[in-house]
Amino acid sequence: MKKLLWIGCLSYFLIGLAHVVLGSILPVALEHYGKDYSQGGTLIFAQFAGFLGGVSLSPWLNRRFGKRGGLITYQWQNKHAVDSAT
């Protein structure tokens, strides 16, 4: 259980770090891609909403599929979301 707690803390830290990095490079990225700040805000919100959805669905996935099955299901969904976005 201690290992799981540390993995959760590390994941939370990395997601927070990703928010900070994205926020700091956002002006340069928006200028490079020719986008405006409203589209940048949508990007930040999508990242937050994805995190919130993952955290909210995680207990249900773990109850339904078990801990290992929940992780495999999450990875499968994440892979298909990335594939459909490209």
Protein backbone atom coordinates (compact mmCIF):
# COMPACT_ATOMS: atom_id res chain seq x y z
CA MET A 1 0.00 0.00 0.00
CA LYS A 2 2.89 2.39 0.70
CA LYS A 3 4.19 1.84 -2.81
CA LEU A 4 0.79 2.66 -4.29
CA LEU A 5 0.63 5.84 -2.23
CA TRP A 6 4.05 6.94 -3.47
CA ILE A 7 3.11 6.17 -7.06
CA GLY A 8 -0.05 8.26 -6.65
CA CYS A 9 1.91 11.15 -5.17
CA LEU A 10 4.46 10.99 -7.98
CA SER A 11 1.69 10.93 -10.60
CA TYR A 12 -0.01 13.94 -9.02
CA PHE A 13 3.33 15.79 -8.96
CA LEU A 14 4.02 14.99 -12.62
CA ILE A 15 0.59 16.18 -13.72
CA GLY A 16 1.10 19.42 -11.80
CA LEU A 17 4.52 19.78 -13.40
CA ALA A 18 2.95 19.30 -16.84
CA HIS A 19 0.47 22.10 -16.08
CA VAL A 20 3.30 24.44 -15.09
CA VAL A 21 5.41 23.58 -18.14
CA LEU A 22 2.48 23.97 -20.51
CA GLY A 23 1.53 27.28 -18.92
CA SER A 24 5.05 28.62 -19.21
CA ILE A 25 5.49 27.73 -22.88
CA LEU A 26 1.91 28.60 -23.86
CA PRO A 27 2.63 32.11 -25.22
CA VAL A 28 5.46 30.85 -27.41
CA ALA A 29 3.47 27.82 -28.60
CA LEU A 30 0.43 29.92 -29.45
CA GLU A 31 2.56 32.35 -31.44
CA HIS A 32 4.33 29.50 -33.25
CA TYR A 33 1.07 27.80 -34.27
CA GLY A 34 -0.78 31.04 -35.00
CA LYS A 35 -3.46 30.50 -32.36
CA ASP A 36 -5.02 32.96 -29.92
CA TYR A 37 -5.34 32.86 -26.13
CA SER A 38 -8.88 31.48 -26.17
CA GLN A 39 -7.62 28.36 -27.92
CA GLY A 40 -4.78 28.16 -25.40
CA GLY A 41 -7.32 28.35 -22.61
CA THR A 42 -9.24 25.50 -24.23
CA LEU A 43 -6.04 23.45 -24.23
CA ILE A 44 -5.44 24.10 -20.53
CA PHE A 45 -9.08 23.29 -19.74
CA ALA A 46 -8.95 20.05 -21.76
CA GLN A 47 -5.87 18.97 -19.80
CA PHE A 48 -7.65 19.74 -16.52
CA ALA A 49 -10.88 18.04 -17.61
CA GLY A 50 -8.98 14.92 -18.67
CA PHE A 51 -7.25 14.78 -15.30
CA LEU A 52 -10.53 15.30 -13.45
CA GLY A 53 -12.27 12.64 -15.54
CA GLY A 54 -9.45 10.16 -14.98
CA VAL A 55 -9.46 10.73 -11.24
CA SER A 56 -13.25 10.47 -11.11
CA LEU A 57 -13.44 7.26 -13.16
CA SER A 58 -10.49 5.52 -11.54
CA PRO A 59 -12.39 4.10 -8.52
CA TRP A 60 -15.16 2.78 -10.76
CA LEU A 61 -12.65 1.15 -13.15
CA ASN A 62 -10.81 -0.45 -10.25
CA ARG A 63 -14.03 -1.84 -8.76
CA ARG A 64 -15.26 -3.12 -12.10
CA PHE A 65 -12.04 -4.57 -13.52
CA GLY A 66 -9.72 -4.86 -10.51
CA LYS A 67 -6.54 -2.85 -10.05
CA ARG A 68 -4.64 -4.41 -12.93
CA GLY A 69 -7.67 -4.44 -15.23
CA GLY A 70 -8.39 -0.80 -14.41
CA LEU A 71 -4.89 0.22 -15.46
CA ILE A 72 -5.06 -1.81 -18.66
CA THR A 73 -8.49 -0.35 -19.49
CA TYR A 74 -7.23 3.17 -18.83
CA GLN A 75 -4.17 2.64 -21.04
CA TRP A 76 -6.34 1.19 -23.82
CA GLN A 77 -8.73 4.16 -23.68
CA ASN A 78 -5.84 6.62 -23.59
CA LYS A 79 -4.18 5.01 -26.62
CA HIS A 80 -7.41 5.15 -28.64
CA ALA A 81 -8.02 8.77 -27.64
CA VAL A 82 -4.56 9.72 -28.91
CA ASP A 83 -5.00 7.69 -32.10
CA SER A 84 -8.35 9.34 -32.86
CA ALA A 85 -6.92 12.82 -32.24
CA THR A 86 -4.25 12.38 -34.92
